[in-house]
Amino acid sequence: MGTDDKVSNKTEELKGKAKEGVGRATDDENLEAQGRNDQAKSNLKQAGEKVKDAFKS
């Protein structure tokens, strides 16, 4: 996985965690769900990149 992809995916994951935290703190269920969704997308992208890397070796 390229360094740029790693940074981008990690940034997206951290933004999702922040959204989820703000949603929880403000009792905004929609924002909290969006944060969880962002984290899930980021984790899926990271897993896909790891699979691609495994086949390159």
PDB file of N, CA and C in Angstrom:
ATOM      1  N   MET A   1       0.861  -1.159   0.000  1.00  0.00           N
ATOM      2  CA  MET A   1       0.000   0.000   0.000  1.00  0.00           C
ATOM      3  C   MET A   1       0.908   1.222   0.000  1.00  0.00           C
ATOM      4  N   GLY A   2       0.582   2.199  -0.831  1.00  0.00           N
ATOM      5  CA  GLY A   2       1.368   3.407  -0.892  1.00  0.00           C
ATOM      6  C   GLY A   2       1.193   4.249   0.363  1.00  0.00           C
ATOM      7  N   THR A   3       2.234   4.998   0.654  1.00  0.00           N
ATOM      8  CA  THR A   3       2.202   5.841   1.848  1.00  0.00           C
ATOM      9  C   THR A   3       1.058   6.849   1.786  1.00  0.00           C
ATOM     10  N   ASP A   4       0.834   7.402   0.593  1.00  0.00           N
ATOM     11  CA  ASP A   4      -0.260   8.380   0.444  1.00  0.00           C
ATOM     12  C   ASP A   4      -1.610   7.746   0.767  1.00  0.00           C
ATOM     13  N   ASP A   5      -1.809   6.512   0.311  1.00  0.00           N
ATOM     14  CA  ASP A   5      -3.064   5.814   0.588  1.00  0.00           C
ATOM     15  C   ASP A   5      -3.216   5.549   2.079  1.00  0.00           C
ATOM     16  N   LYS A   6      -2.126   5.144   2.728  1.00  0.00           N
ATOM     17  CA  LYS A   6      -2.177   4.869   4.167  1.00  0.00           C
ATOM     18  C   LYS A   6      -2.584   6.116   4.934  1.00  0.00           C
ATOM     19  N   VAL A   7      -1.956   7.232   4.586  1.00  0.00           N
ATOM     20  CA  VAL A   7      -2.244   8.493   5.274  1.00  0.00           C
ATOM     21  C   VAL A   7      -3.682   8.919   5.016  1.00  0.00           C
ATOM     22  N   SER A   8      -4.124   8.803   3.777  1.00  0.00           N
ATOM     23  CA  SER A   8      -5.486   9.196   3.421  1.00  0.00           C
ATOM     24  C   SER A   8      -6.513   8.349   4.161  1.00  0.00           C
ATOM     25  N   ASN A   9      -6.296   7.043   4.194  1.00  0.00           N
ATOM     26  CA  ASN A   9      -7.236   6.161   4.880  1.00  0.00           C
ATOM     27  C   ASN A   9      -7.235   6.395   6.384  1.00  0.00           C
ATOM     28  N   LYS A  10      -6.066   6.619   6.950  1.00  0.00           N
ATOM     29  CA  LYS A  10      -5.987   6.864   8.392  1.00  0.00           C
ATOM     30  C   LYS A  10      -6.665   8.194   8.727  1.00  0.00           C
ATOM     31  N   THR A  11      -6.474   9.198   7.881  1.00  0.00           N
ATOM     32  CA  THR A  11      -7.117  10.494   8.090  1.00  0.00           C
ATOM     33  C   THR A  11      -8.636  10.348   8.058  1.00  0.00           C
ATOM     34  N   GLU A  12      -9.128   9.571   7.095  1.00  0.00           N
ATOM     35  CA  GLU A  12     -10.573   9.352   6.997  1.00  0.00           C
ATOM     36  C   GLU A  12     -11.089   8.625   8.248  1.00  0.00           C
ATOM     37  N   GLU A  13     -10.310   7.661   8.729  1.00  0.00           N
ATOM     38  CA  GLU A  13     -10.699   6.940   9.937  1.00  0.00           C
ATOM     39  C   GLU A  13     -10.765   7.873  11.146  1.00  0.00           C
ATOM     40  N   LEU A  14      -9.760   8.735  11.280  1.00  0.00           N
ATOM     41  CA  LEU A  14      -9.732   9.666  12.415  1.00  0.00           C
ATOM     42  C   LEU A  14     -10.873  10.681  12.343  1.00  0.00           C
ATOM     43  N   LYS A  15     -11.194  11.130  11.142  1.00  0.00           N
ATOM     44  CA  LYS A  15     -12.333  12.042  10.977  1.00  0.00           C
ATOM     45  C   LYS A  15     -13.624  11.348  11.401  1.00  0.00           C
ATOM     46  N   GLY A  16     -13.744  10.076  11.044  1.00  0.00           N
ATOM     47  CA  GLY A  16     -14.922   9.306  11.438  1.00  0.00           C
ATOM     48  C   GLY A  16     -15.024   9.174  12.943  1.00  0.00           C
ATOM     49  N   LYS A  17     -13.882   8.932  13.599  1.00  0.00           N
ATOM     50  CA  LYS A  17     -13.884   8.826  15.059  1.00  0.00           C
ATOM     51  C   LYS A  17     -14.285  10.157  15.688  1.00  0.00           C
ATOM     52  N   ALA A  18     -13.797  11.246  15.103  1.00  0.00           N
ATOM     53  CA  ALA A  18     -14.143  12.563  15.626  1.00  0.00           C
ATOM     54  C   ALA A  18     -15.641  12.830  15.464  1.00  0.00           C
ATOM     55  N   LYS A  19     -16.177  12.518  14.293  1.00  0.00           N
ATOM     56  CA  LYS A  19     -17.615  12.699  14.056  1.00  0.00           C
ATOM     57  C   LYS A  19     -18.428  11.884  15.055  1.00  0.00           C
ATOM     58  N   GLU A  20     -18.009  10.637  15.242  1.00  0.00           N
ATOM     59  CA  GLU A  20     -18.734   9.775  16.169  1.00  0.00           C
ATOM     60  C   GLU A  20     -18.691  10.347  17.581  1.00  0.00           C
ATOM     61  N   GLY A  21     -17.535  10.850  17.992  1.00  0.00           N
ATOM     62  CA  GLY A  21     -17.396  11.427  19.327  1.00  0.00           C
ATOM     63  C   GLY A  21     -18.241  12.672  19.512  1.00  0.00           C
ATOM     64  N   VAL A  22     -18.233  13.537  18.510  1.00  0.00           N
ATOM     65  CA  VAL A  22     -19.045  14.757  18.582  1.00  0.00           C
ATOM     66  C   VAL A  22     -20.526  14.393  18.597  1.00  0.00           C
ATOM     67  N   GLY A  23     -20.901  13.427  17.776  1.00  0.00           N
ATOM     68  CA  GLY A  23     -22.292  12.988  17.745  1.00  0.00           C
ATOM     69  C   GLY A  23     -22.738  12.433  19.086  1.00  0.00           C
ATOM     70  N   ARG A  24     -21.852  11.664  19.715  1.00  0.00           N
ATOM     71  CA  ARG A  24     -22.180  11.097  21.027  1.00  0.00           C
ATOM     72  C   ARG A  24     -22.281  12.208  22.071  1.00  0.00           C
ATOM     73  N   ALA A  25     -21.356  13.171  22.025  1.00  0.00           N
ATOM     74  CA  ALA A  25     -21.327  14.252  23.009  1.00  0.00           C
ATOM     75  C   ALA A  25     -22.536  15.182  22.883  1.00  0.00           C
ATOM     76  N   THR A  26     -23.003  15.378  21.650  1.00  0.00           N
ATOM     77  CA  THR A  26     -24.132  16.280  21.421  1.00  0.00           C
ATOM     78  C   THR A  26     -25.460  15.531  21.305  1.00  0.00           C
ATOM     79  N   ASP A  27     -25.417  14.225  21.513  1.00  0.00           N
ATOM     80  CA  ASP A  27     -26.604  13.377  21.423  1.00  0.00           C
ATOM     81  C   ASP A  27     -27.221  13.434  20.028  1.00  0.00           C
ATOM     82  N   ASP A  28     -26.352  13.502  19.005  1.00  0.00           N
ATOM     83  CA  ASP A  28     -26.782  13.536  17.609  1.00  0.00           C
ATOM     84  C   ASP A  28     -26.537  12.148  17.012  1.00  0.00           C
ATOM     85  N   GLU A  29     -27.581  11.332  17.005  1.00  0.00           N
ATOM     86  CA  GLU A  29     -27.440   9.954  16.538  1.00  0.00           C
ATOM     87  C   GLU A  29     -27.035   9.875  15.072  1.00  0.00           C
ATOM     88  N   ASN A  30     -27.507  10.809  14.261  1.00  0.00           N
ATOM     89  CA  ASN A  30     -27.177  10.818  12.836  1.00  0.00           C
ATOM     90  C   ASN A  30     -25.680  11.055  12.626  1.00  0.00           C
ATOM     91  N   LEU A  31     -25.132  12.025  13.321  1.00  0.00           N
ATOM     92  CA  LEU A  31     -23.704  12.328  13.188  1.00  0.00           C
ATOM     93  C   LEU A  31     -22.861  11.162  13.711  1.00  0.00           C
ATOM     94  N   GLU A  32     -23.299  10.569  14.780  1.00  0.00           N
ATOM     95  CA  GLU A  32     -22.596   9.421  15.342  1.00  0.00           C
ATOM     96  C   GLU A  32     -22.584   8.260  14.336  1.00  0.00           C
ATOM     97  N   ALA A  33     -23.704   8.022  13.687  1.00  0.00           N
ATOM     98  CA  ALA A  33     -23.790   6.957  12.681  1.00  0.00           C
ATOM     99  C   ALA A  33     -22.914   7.269  11.473  1.00  0.00           C
ATOM    100  N   GLN A  34     -22.874   8.538  11.068  1.00  0.00           N
ATOM    101  CA  GLN A  34     -22.005   8.933   9.958  1.00  0.00           C
ATOM    102  C   GLN A  34     -20.550   8.663  10.296  1.00  0.00           C
ATOM    103  N   GLY A  35     -20.167   8.944  11.513  1.00  0.00           N
ATOM    104  CA  GLY A  35     -18.799   8.696  11.951  1.00  0.00           C
ATOM    105  C   GLY A  35     -18.448   7.222  11.907  1.00  0.00           C
ATOM    106  N   ARG A  36     -19.353   6.391  12.379  1.00  0.00           N
ATOM    107  CA  ARG A  36     -19.121   4.939  12.319  1.00  0.00           C
ATOM    108  C   ARG A  36     -19.024   4.470  10.872  1.00  0.00           C
ATOM    109  N   ASN A  37     -19.863   5.034  10.013  1.00  0.00           N
ATOM    110  CA  ASN A  37     -19.854   4.682   8.593  1.00  0.00           C
ATOM    111  C   ASN A  37     -18.525   5.086   7.949  1.00  0.00           C
ATOM    112  N   ASP A  38     -18.041   6.282   8.251  1.00  0.00           N
ATOM    113  CA  ASP A  38     -16.757   6.734   7.712  1.00  0.00           C
ATOM    114  C   ASP A  38     -15.623   5.809   8.139  1.00  0.00           C
ATOM    115  N   GLN A  39     -15.659   5.381   9.393  1.00  0.00           N
ATOM    116  CA  GLN A  39     -14.627   4.475   9.895  1.00  0.00           C
ATOM    117  C   GLN A  39     -14.684   3.129   9.175  1.00  0.00           C
ATOM    118  N   ALA A  40     -15.884   2.638   8.955  1.00  0.00           N
ATOM    119  CA  ALA A  40     -16.041   1.350   8.284  1.00  0.00           C
ATOM    120  C   ALA A  40     -15.521   1.417   6.850  1.00  0.00           C
ATOM    121  N   LYS A  41     -15.824   2.515   6.148  1.00  0.00           N
ATOM    122  CA  LYS A  41     -15.334   2.678   4.778  1.00  0.00           C
ATOM    123  C   LYS A  41     -13.816   2.719   4.754  1.00  0.00           C
ATOM    124  N   SER A  42     -13.235   3.441   5.692  1.00  0.00           N
ATOM    125  CA  SER A  42     -11.785   3.543   5.767  1.00  0.00           C
ATOM    126  C   SER A  42     -11.157   2.181   6.030  1.00  0.00           C
ATOM    127  N   ASN A  43     -11.723   1.434   6.955  1.00  0.00           N
ATOM    128  CA  ASN A  43     -11.190   0.108   7.266  1.00  0.00           C
ATOM    129  C   ASN A  43     -11.301  -0.824   6.069  1.00  0.00           C
ATOM    130  N   LEU A  44     -12.380  -0.716   5.320  1.00  0.00           N
ATOM    131  CA  LEU A  44     -12.556  -1.542   4.137  1.00  0.00           C
ATOM    132  C   LEU A  44     -11.513  -1.199   3.070  1.00  0.00           C
ATOM    133  N   LYS A  45     -11.257   0.093   2.884  1.00  0.00           N
ATOM    134  CA  LYS A  45     -10.233   0.518   1.927  1.00  0.00           C
ATOM    135  C   LYS A  45      -8.860  -0.004   2.340  1.00  0.00           C
ATOM    136  N   GLN A  46      -8.562   0.083   3.632  1.00  0.00           N
ATOM    137  CA  GLN A  46      -7.269  -0.392   4.122  1.00  0.00           C
ATOM    138  C   GLN A  46      -7.131  -1.897   3.888  1.00  0.00           C
ATOM    139  N   ALA A  47      -8.185  -2.647   4.122  1.00  0.00           N
ATOM    140  CA  ALA A  47      -8.152  -4.089   3.901  1.00  0.00           C
ATOM    141  C   ALA A  47      -7.944  -4.405   2.421  1.00  0.00           C
ATOM    142  N   GLY A  48      -8.604  -3.664   1.550  1.00  0.00           N
ATOM    143  CA  GLY A  48      -8.442  -3.858   0.103  1.00  0.00           C
ATOM    144  C   GLY A  48      -7.018  -3.601  -0.344  1.00  0.00           C
ATOM    145  N   GLU A  49      -6.408  -2.564   0.206  1.00  0.00           N
ATOM    146  CA  GLU A  49      -5.028  -2.246  -0.143  1.00  0.00           C
ATOM    147  C   GLU A  49      -4.082  -3.340   0.342  1.00  0.00           C
ATOM    148  N   LYS A  50      -4.352  -3.902   1.513  1.00  0.00           N
ATOM    149  CA  LYS A  50      -3.514  -4.976   2.032  1.00  0.00           C
ATOM    150  C   LYS A  50      -3.612  -6.216   1.163  1.00  0.00           C
ATOM    151  N   VAL A  51      -4.811  -6.507   0.656  1.00  0.00           N
ATOM    152  CA  VAL A  51      -4.984  -7.650  -0.244  1.00  0.00           C
ATOM    153  C   VAL A  51      -4.201  -7.429  -1.531  1.00  0.00           C
ATOM    154  N   LYS A  52      -4.279  -6.215  -2.078  1.00  0.00           N
ATOM    155  CA  LYS A  52      -3.531  -5.919  -3.290  1.00  0.00           C
ATOM    156  C   LYS A  52      -2.028  -6.074  -3.052  1.00  0.00           C
ATOM    157  N   ASP A  53      -1.555  -5.595  -1.908  1.00  0.00           N
ATOM    158  CA  ASP A  53      -0.136  -5.717  -1.578  1.00  0.00           C
ATOM    159  C   ASP A  53       0.279  -7.175  -1.459  1.00  0.00           C
ATOM    160  N   ALA A  54      -0.582  -8.010  -0.906  1.00  0.00           N
ATOM    161  CA  ALA A  54      -0.267  -9.422  -0.730  1.00  0.00           C
ATOM    162  C   ALA A  54      -0.083 -10.106  -2.091  1.00  0.00           C
ATOM    163  N   PHE A  55      -0.872  -9.706  -3.081  1.00  0.00           N
ATOM    164  CA  PHE A  55      -0.758 -10.322  -4.403  1.00  0.00           C
ATOM    165  C   PHE A  55       0.414  -9.774  -5.189  1.00  0.00           C
ATOM    166  N   LYS A  56       0.928  -8.605  -4.841  1.00  0.00           N
ATOM    167  CA  LYS A  56       2.101  -8.043  -5.506  1.00  0.00           C
ATOM    168  C   LYS A  56       3.365  -8.793  -5.132  1.00  0.00           C
ATOM    169  N   SER A  57       3.400  -9.341  -3.927  1.00  0.00           N
ATOM    170  CA  SER A  57       4.610 -10.008  -3.435  1.00  0.00           C
ATOM    171  C   SER A  57       4.781 -11.377  -4.014  1.00  0.00           C
TER     172      SER A  57
END
